[in-house]
N, C-alpha and C. Protein backbone atom coordinates (compact mmCIF):
# COMPACT_ATOMS: atom_id res chain seq x y z
N MET A 1 -9.32 104.13 42.79
CA MET A 1 -7.86 104.24 42.96
C MET A 1 -7.42 103.10 43.92
N LYS A 2 -8.32 102.74 44.87
CA LYS A 2 -7.82 101.56 45.73
C LYS A 2 -7.44 100.33 44.94
N ARG A 3 -8.19 100.01 43.80
CA ARG A 3 -7.87 98.79 43.05
C ARG A 3 -6.60 99.02 42.35
N ALA A 4 -6.30 100.30 41.79
CA ALA A 4 -4.99 100.59 41.16
C ALA A 4 -3.91 100.43 42.02
N ILE A 5 -4.03 100.84 43.29
CA ILE A 5 -2.92 100.62 44.27
C ILE A 5 -2.72 99.20 44.61
N GLU A 6 -3.79 98.44 44.76
CA GLU A 6 -3.69 96.93 44.93
C GLU A 6 -2.80 96.36 43.79
N LEU A 7 -3.24 96.78 42.48
CA LEU A 7 -2.58 96.39 41.26
C LEU A 7 -1.01 96.65 41.32
N SER A 8 -0.71 97.70 41.86
CA SER A 8 0.70 98.23 41.80
C SER A 8 1.47 97.36 42.84
N ILE A 9 0.96 96.97 44.04
CA ILE A 9 1.63 96.22 44.95
C ILE A 9 1.61 94.78 44.41
N GLU A 10 0.59 94.20 43.79
CA GLU A 10 0.66 92.90 43.25
C GLU A 10 1.74 92.82 42.12
N SER A 11 1.90 93.95 41.45
CA SER A 11 2.88 94.02 40.38
C SER A 11 4.38 93.76 40.97
N ILE A 12 4.60 94.60 42.09
CA ILE A 12 5.92 94.47 42.67
C ILE A 12 6.17 93.00 43.14
N ASN A 13 5.17 92.40 43.72
CA ASN A 13 5.26 91.01 44.26
C ASN A 13 5.34 90.05 43.20
N SER A 14 5.13 90.36 41.89
CA SER A 14 5.23 89.28 40.90
C SER A 14 6.27 89.74 39.82
N GLY A 15 7.20 90.60 40.34
CA GLY A 15 8.43 90.94 39.59
C GLY A 15 8.27 92.20 38.64
N GLY A 16 7.15 92.94 38.66
CA GLY A 16 6.90 94.06 37.91
C GLY A 16 7.17 95.44 38.52
N GLY A 17 7.01 96.51 37.94
CA GLY A 17 7.24 97.80 38.47
C GLY A 17 6.11 98.20 39.34
N PRO A 18 6.19 99.27 40.21
CA PRO A 18 5.17 99.73 41.19
C PRO A 18 4.01 100.59 40.62
N PHE A 19 3.43 100.22 39.62
CA PHE A 19 2.43 100.98 38.94
C PHE A 19 1.12 100.21 38.65
N GLY A 20 0.15 100.78 38.86
CA GLY A 20 -1.22 100.05 38.53
C GLY A 20 -2.14 101.18 37.98
N SER A 21 -3.21 100.71 37.17
CA SER A 21 -4.05 101.56 36.61
C SER A 21 -5.48 100.78 36.35
N VAL A 22 -6.49 101.53 36.45
CA VAL A 22 -7.72 100.96 36.02
C VAL A 22 -8.59 101.99 35.18
N ILE A 23 -9.37 101.49 34.26
CA ILE A 23 -10.14 102.37 33.51
C ILE A 23 -11.66 102.04 33.90
N VAL A 24 -12.35 103.19 34.10
CA VAL A 24 -13.77 103.07 34.69
C VAL A 24 -14.77 103.76 33.81
N LYS A 25 -15.94 103.15 33.93
CA LYS A 25 -17.11 103.87 33.24
C LYS A 25 -18.33 103.76 34.30
N ASN A 26 -18.87 104.98 34.63
CA ASN A 26 -19.95 104.97 35.52
C ASN A 26 -19.69 104.14 36.82
N ASP A 27 -18.52 104.54 37.38
CA ASP A 27 -18.06 103.93 38.55
C ASP A 27 -17.83 102.37 38.49
N LYS A 28 -17.76 101.79 37.37
CA LYS A 28 -17.50 100.30 37.17
C LYS A 28 -16.12 100.16 36.51
N ILE A 29 -15.32 99.30 36.95
CA ILE A 29 -14.06 99.02 36.32
C ILE A 29 -14.26 98.25 35.04
N ILE A 30 -13.71 98.81 33.89
CA ILE A 30 -13.83 98.29 32.68
C ILE A 30 -12.60 97.40 32.33
N SER A 31 -11.38 97.94 32.79
CA SER A 31 -10.19 97.20 32.60
C SER A 31 -9.12 97.65 33.78
N GLU A 32 -8.13 96.65 33.79
CA GLU A 32 -7.09 96.87 34.74
C GLU A 32 -5.73 96.76 34.00
N GLY A 33 -4.65 97.44 34.61
CA GLY A 33 -3.33 97.16 34.12
C GLY A 33 -2.38 97.46 35.08
N SER A 34 -1.25 96.71 34.98
CA SER A 34 -0.06 97.01 35.88
C SER A 34 1.17 96.86 34.93
N ASN A 35 2.21 97.34 35.56
CA ASN A 35 3.49 97.41 34.83
C ASN A 35 3.99 96.06 34.60
N LYS A 36 4.14 95.75 33.22
CA LYS A 36 4.59 94.52 32.79
C LYS A 36 5.88 94.64 31.82
N VAL A 37 6.52 95.67 32.03
CA VAL A 37 7.70 95.97 31.13
C VAL A 37 8.72 94.87 31.21
N THR A 38 9.16 94.45 32.44
CA THR A 38 10.24 93.48 32.61
C THR A 38 9.64 92.04 32.22
N SER A 39 8.44 91.78 32.70
CA SER A 39 7.89 90.34 32.49
C SER A 39 7.55 90.14 31.12
N SER A 40 7.32 91.19 30.29
CA SER A 40 6.92 90.81 28.91
C SER A 40 8.05 91.34 27.99
N ASN A 41 9.13 91.91 28.46
CA ASN A 41 10.13 92.51 27.62
C ASN A 41 9.66 93.49 26.63
N ASP A 42 8.66 94.36 27.07
CA ASP A 42 8.02 95.34 26.28
C ASP A 42 8.14 96.65 27.04
N PRO A 43 9.00 97.54 26.47
CA PRO A 43 9.02 98.84 27.13
C PRO A 43 7.80 99.78 27.15
N THR A 44 6.88 99.35 26.34
CA THR A 44 5.57 100.02 26.33
C THR A 44 4.53 99.50 27.17
N ALA A 45 4.85 98.43 28.04
CA ALA A 45 3.84 97.79 28.68
C ALA A 45 3.68 98.49 30.16
N HIS A 46 3.49 99.75 30.14
CA HIS A 46 3.15 100.52 31.42
C HIS A 46 1.69 100.23 31.86
N GLY A 47 1.41 100.37 33.05
CA GLY A 47 0.13 100.08 33.61
C GLY A 47 -1.02 100.75 32.86
N GLU A 48 -0.81 101.94 32.46
CA GLU A 48 -1.91 102.71 31.75
C GLU A 48 -2.06 102.10 30.36
N ILE A 49 -1.03 101.79 29.71
CA ILE A 49 -1.04 101.23 28.34
C ILE A 49 -1.74 99.89 28.39
N VAL A 50 -1.43 99.02 29.34
CA VAL A 50 -1.99 97.72 29.42
C VAL A 50 -3.53 97.78 29.64
N ALA A 51 -3.89 98.85 30.53
CA ALA A 51 -5.31 98.99 30.91
C ALA A 51 -6.01 99.66 29.60
N ILE A 52 -5.32 100.49 28.77
CA ILE A 52 -6.01 101.01 27.57
C ILE A 52 -6.18 99.94 26.56
N ARG A 53 -5.09 99.05 26.35
CA ARG A 53 -5.27 97.95 25.40
C ARG A 53 -6.51 97.13 25.77
N GLU A 54 -6.50 96.74 27.07
CA GLU A 54 -7.68 95.85 27.44
C GLU A 54 -9.01 96.58 27.34
N ALA A 55 -9.15 97.81 27.70
CA ALA A 55 -10.36 98.54 27.67
C ALA A 55 -10.83 98.63 26.10
N CYS A 56 -9.89 98.92 25.17
CA CYS A 56 -10.26 98.97 23.77
C CYS A 56 -10.71 97.65 23.27
N ARG A 57 -10.15 96.49 23.71
CA ARG A 57 -10.63 95.16 23.33
C ARG A 57 -12.14 95.03 23.81
N LYS A 58 -12.24 95.33 25.11
CA LYS A 58 -13.56 95.15 25.63
C LYS A 58 -14.71 95.96 25.08
N VAL A 59 -14.44 97.26 24.82
CA VAL A 59 -15.41 98.02 24.11
C VAL A 59 -15.53 97.92 22.65
N ASN A 60 -14.45 97.21 22.02
CA ASN A 60 -14.40 97.02 20.55
C ASN A 60 -14.29 98.29 19.80
N ASN A 61 -13.50 99.31 20.39
CA ASN A 61 -13.35 100.61 19.76
C ASN A 61 -11.95 101.17 20.19
N PHE A 62 -11.37 101.95 19.27
CA PHE A 62 -10.10 102.77 19.75
C PHE A 62 -10.30 104.01 20.49
N SER A 63 -11.57 104.34 20.69
CA SER A 63 -11.97 105.47 21.36
C SER A 63 -12.51 105.07 22.79
N LEU A 64 -12.07 105.62 23.82
CA LEU A 64 -12.43 105.48 25.13
C LEU A 64 -13.16 106.73 25.70
N LYS A 65 -13.73 107.44 24.76
CA LYS A 65 -14.54 108.59 25.22
C LYS A 65 -15.55 108.17 26.19
N GLY A 66 -15.68 108.95 27.33
CA GLY A 66 -16.77 108.63 28.28
C GLY A 66 -16.16 107.84 29.47
N LEU A 67 -14.85 107.43 29.30
CA LEU A 67 -14.21 106.69 30.32
C LEU A 67 -13.27 107.52 31.09
N GLU A 68 -12.90 106.98 32.31
CA GLU A 68 -11.94 107.75 33.14
C GLU A 68 -10.84 106.72 33.57
N LEU A 69 -9.70 107.29 33.78
CA LEU A 69 -8.51 106.48 34.17
C LEU A 69 -7.93 106.81 35.57
N TYR A 70 -7.70 105.83 36.38
CA TYR A 70 -7.12 105.95 37.63
C TYR A 70 -5.73 105.24 37.66
N SER A 71 -4.69 106.03 37.97
CA SER A 71 -3.34 105.63 37.93
C SER A 71 -2.72 105.83 39.20
N THR A 72 -1.82 104.93 39.62
CA THR A 72 -1.13 105.13 40.93
C THR A 72 -0.07 106.20 40.82
N CYS A 73 0.24 106.67 39.61
CA CYS A 73 1.38 107.71 39.39
C CYS A 73 0.89 108.70 38.27
N GLU A 74 1.31 109.80 38.31
CA GLU A 74 1.06 110.82 37.18
C GLU A 74 1.60 110.16 35.93
N PRO A 75 0.84 109.97 34.92
CA PRO A 75 1.35 109.34 33.61
C PRO A 75 2.62 109.91 33.08
N CYS A 76 3.45 109.00 32.61
CA CYS A 76 4.61 109.41 31.86
C CYS A 76 4.28 110.06 30.53
N PRO A 77 5.20 110.60 29.81
CA PRO A 77 4.87 111.17 28.54
C PRO A 77 4.24 110.21 27.48
N MET A 78 4.78 109.02 27.50
CA MET A 78 4.24 107.92 26.59
C MET A 78 2.68 107.54 26.97
N CYS A 79 2.42 107.40 28.30
CA CYS A 79 1.18 106.99 28.71
C CYS A 79 0.17 108.09 28.52
N LEU A 80 0.72 109.35 28.81
CA LEU A 80 -0.14 110.51 28.67
C LEU A 80 -0.60 110.73 27.24
N SER A 81 0.35 110.54 26.26
CA SER A 81 -0.02 110.57 24.89
C SER A 81 -0.99 109.50 24.51
N ALA A 82 -0.90 108.28 25.03
CA ALA A 82 -1.82 107.21 24.73
C ALA A 82 -3.21 107.68 25.23
N ILE A 83 -3.29 108.24 26.41
CA ILE A 83 -4.48 108.73 27.07
C ILE A 83 -5.18 109.70 26.14
N TYR A 84 -4.47 110.63 25.64
CA TYR A 84 -5.00 111.60 24.75
C TYR A 84 -5.52 110.95 23.45
N TRP A 85 -4.65 110.00 22.83
CA TRP A 85 -5.12 109.37 21.66
C TRP A 85 -6.40 108.56 21.85
N ALA A 86 -6.50 107.95 23.00
CA ALA A 86 -7.70 107.10 23.33
C ALA A 86 -8.91 107.96 23.69
N ARG A 87 -8.70 109.26 23.90
CA ARG A 87 -9.81 110.23 24.26
C ARG A 87 -10.49 109.99 25.50
N ILE A 88 -9.68 109.46 26.47
CA ILE A 88 -10.18 109.27 27.89
C ILE A 88 -10.61 110.68 28.50
N ASP A 89 -11.65 110.73 29.13
CA ASP A 89 -12.22 111.99 29.67
C ASP A 89 -11.48 112.55 30.83
N LYS A 90 -11.01 111.79 31.75
CA LYS A 90 -10.31 112.29 32.93
C LYS A 90 -9.37 111.33 33.55
N ILE A 91 -8.34 111.98 34.14
CA ILE A 91 -7.22 111.17 34.75
C ILE A 91 -7.16 111.50 36.28
N TYR A 92 -7.25 110.50 37.11
CA TYR A 92 -7.06 110.66 38.49
C TYR A 92 -5.61 109.95 38.70
N TYR A 93 -4.80 110.57 39.53
CA TYR A 93 -3.62 109.95 39.87
C TYR A 93 -3.13 110.10 41.25
N ALA A 94 -2.30 109.28 41.78
CA ALA A 94 -1.85 109.37 43.19
C ALA A 94 -0.45 109.96 43.25
N ASN A 95 0.65 109.27 43.04
CA ASN A 95 1.94 109.67 43.09
C ASN A 95 2.34 110.68 41.98
N THR A 96 3.20 111.55 42.24
CA THR A 96 3.65 112.55 41.21
C THR A 96 4.86 111.97 40.48
N ARG A 97 5.19 112.69 39.38
CA ARG A 97 6.40 112.30 38.65
C ARG A 97 7.73 112.51 39.46
N LYS A 98 7.64 113.61 40.49
CA LYS A 98 8.78 113.71 41.41
C LYS A 98 8.85 112.55 42.25
N ASP A 99 7.74 111.98 42.79
CA ASP A 99 7.85 110.77 43.54
C ASP A 99 8.43 109.63 42.90
N ALA A 100 8.09 109.50 41.61
CA ALA A 100 8.58 108.35 40.76
C ALA A 100 10.09 108.61 40.48
N GLN A 101 10.55 109.83 40.37
CA GLN A 101 11.95 110.18 40.13
C GLN A 101 12.73 109.71 41.24
N LYS A 102 12.16 109.84 42.47
CA LYS A 102 12.99 109.52 43.68
C LYS A 102 13.24 108.01 43.82
N ILE A 103 12.40 107.25 43.11
CA ILE A 103 12.78 105.76 43.15
C ILE A 103 13.25 105.36 41.82
N ASP A 104 13.94 106.26 41.03
CA ASP A 104 14.60 105.91 39.72
C ASP A 104 13.71 105.63 38.51
N PHE A 105 12.59 106.19 38.53
CA PHE A 105 11.73 106.14 37.29
C PHE A 105 11.67 107.69 36.99
N ASP A 106 12.61 108.07 36.21
CA ASP A 106 12.87 109.47 35.91
C ASP A 106 12.55 109.69 34.41
N ASP A 107 11.53 110.55 34.17
CA ASP A 107 11.06 110.94 32.87
C ASP A 107 11.60 112.29 32.40
N SER A 108 12.49 112.96 33.29
CA SER A 108 12.90 114.21 33.01
C SER A 108 13.50 114.38 31.65
N LEU A 109 14.30 113.45 31.22
CA LEU A 109 15.12 113.41 29.97
C LEU A 109 14.08 113.61 28.81
N ILE A 110 12.98 112.84 28.99
CA ILE A 110 11.93 112.84 27.75
C ILE A 110 11.29 114.25 27.76
N TYR A 111 10.88 114.77 28.90
CA TYR A 111 10.30 116.00 28.88
C TYR A 111 11.24 117.09 28.38
N ALA A 112 12.53 116.92 28.64
CA ALA A 112 13.51 117.94 28.13
C ALA A 112 13.73 117.71 26.66
N GLU A 113 13.67 116.47 26.20
CA GLU A 113 13.93 116.37 24.73
C GLU A 113 12.74 116.89 23.92
N PHE A 114 11.59 116.79 24.38
CA PHE A 114 10.38 117.37 23.63
C PHE A 114 10.54 118.91 23.39
N LYS A 115 11.30 119.55 24.30
CA LYS A 115 11.45 120.98 24.22
C LYS A 115 12.55 121.31 23.24
N LYS A 116 13.41 120.39 22.89
CA LYS A 116 14.44 120.81 22.00
C LYS A 116 14.08 120.72 20.42
N ASN A 117 14.90 121.39 19.65
CA ASN A 117 14.84 121.29 18.18
C ASN A 117 15.11 119.89 17.81
N ILE A 118 14.36 119.39 16.79
CA ILE A 118 14.60 118.00 16.40
C ILE A 118 16.05 117.64 16.14
N ASN A 119 16.81 118.61 15.62
CA ASN A 119 18.25 118.41 15.32
C ASN A 119 19.24 118.42 16.54
N GLU A 120 18.65 118.63 17.71
CA GLU A 120 19.46 118.83 18.95
C GLU A 120 19.11 117.68 19.98
N ARG A 121 18.31 116.79 19.59
CA ARG A 121 17.90 115.73 20.47
C ARG A 121 18.91 114.57 20.59
N LYS A 122 18.89 113.91 21.77
CA LYS A 122 19.90 112.93 22.02
C LYS A 122 19.93 111.82 20.92
N ILE A 123 18.72 111.32 20.61
CA ILE A 123 18.71 110.29 19.56
C ILE A 123 18.53 111.09 18.24
N PRO A 124 19.57 110.83 17.23
CA PRO A 124 19.46 111.47 15.96
C PRO A 124 18.26 111.13 15.22
N MET A 125 17.72 112.11 14.55
CA MET A 125 16.50 111.92 13.73
C MET A 125 16.84 112.27 12.25
N ILE A 126 16.85 111.37 11.35
CA ILE A 126 17.29 111.73 10.01
C ILE A 126 16.15 111.46 9.10
N GLN A 127 15.71 112.49 8.39
CA GLN A 127 14.65 112.35 7.42
C GLN A 127 15.14 111.74 6.11
N MET A 128 14.28 110.94 5.53
CA MET A 128 14.70 110.31 4.22
C MET A 128 13.49 109.86 3.55
N MET A 129 13.55 109.83 2.21
CA MET A 129 12.49 109.29 1.28
C MET A 129 11.12 109.91 1.61
N ARG A 130 11.12 111.25 1.84
CA ARG A 130 9.78 111.93 2.24
C ARG A 130 8.91 111.86 0.96
N ASN A 131 9.48 112.19 -0.24
CA ASN A 131 8.67 112.16 -1.47
C ASN A 131 7.86 110.82 -1.69
N GLU A 132 8.62 109.77 -1.50
CA GLU A 132 8.15 108.39 -1.77
C GLU A 132 6.97 108.08 -0.66
N ALA A 133 7.29 108.51 0.61
CA ALA A 133 6.41 108.26 1.69
C ALA A 133 5.09 109.11 1.68
N LEU A 134 5.19 110.26 0.94
CA LEU A 134 4.00 111.24 0.80
C LEU A 134 2.96 110.46 0.08
N LYS A 135 3.32 109.50 -0.83
CA LYS A 135 2.29 108.79 -1.59
C LYS A 135 1.11 108.16 -0.71
N ALA A 136 1.60 107.62 0.40
CA ALA A 136 0.53 107.00 1.31
C ALA A 136 -0.14 108.07 1.89
N PHE A 137 0.32 109.23 2.27
CA PHE A 137 -0.51 110.27 2.75
C PHE A 137 -1.51 110.84 1.74
N GLU A 138 -1.02 110.94 0.41
CA GLU A 138 -1.83 111.29 -0.65
C GLU A 138 -3.14 110.31 -0.70
N LEU A 139 -2.82 109.10 -0.79
CA LEU A 139 -3.93 108.04 -0.99
C LEU A 139 -4.80 108.21 0.27
N TRP A 140 -4.34 108.41 1.47
CA TRP A 140 -5.17 108.51 2.67
C TRP A 140 -6.02 109.71 2.41
N ASP A 141 -5.54 110.83 2.14
CA ASP A 141 -6.37 112.06 1.84
C ASP A 141 -7.33 111.96 0.94
N LYS A 142 -7.12 111.11 0.02
CA LYS A 142 -8.19 110.96 -1.15
C LYS A 142 -9.23 109.92 -0.88
N LYS A 143 -9.00 109.09 0.23
CA LYS A 143 -9.81 107.91 0.51
C LYS A 143 -11.17 108.46 1.07
N THR A 144 -12.17 107.97 0.48
CA THR A 144 -13.53 108.42 0.94
C THR A 144 -14.10 107.64 2.06
N ASP A 145 -13.66 106.39 2.27
CA ASP A 145 -14.23 105.53 3.34
C ASP A 145 -13.38 105.38 4.57
N LYS A 146 -12.50 106.34 4.77
CA LYS A 146 -11.53 106.23 5.86
C LYS A 146 -12.19 106.45 7.25
N VAL A 147 -11.64 105.78 8.18
CA VAL A 147 -12.10 105.97 9.57
C VAL A 147 -11.19 106.87 10.21
N LYS A 148 -11.67 108.18 10.60
CA LYS A 148 -10.75 109.13 11.13
C LYS A 148 -10.58 108.76 12.63
N TYR A 149 -9.32 109.09 13.12
CA TYR A 149 -9.07 108.94 14.56
C TYR A 149 -8.15 109.92 15.00
């Protein structure tokens, strides 16, 4: 966690947001990440996502099973989803989402949106061309050499 905190402070000093993250295996840091949203013009470049991307490259696998993540803040909904998709075993965090909210990093809208019916969300979601798109799902379902994830 100490390294994640160092990364969060370094991020602030280099124009990024106050978030840092490391991914660890057997008490050894595998990857590091800090917030790069504004420096890379990438809204997905949160510290956890940056660390996950680097860890996957290093282990040459999309699964990070057996690894643990240390983050300076409770992961946002996007990062938490990525952590689950990456199959990380455990999350350690320092600051809470309420702490982040106090400094204008507020995820409460996203948490509220998840609870709403799809037709009641702030961003309209309009389904189209389902039958045509199902063809890809049918092909995937029949594929015998697919890599499940």
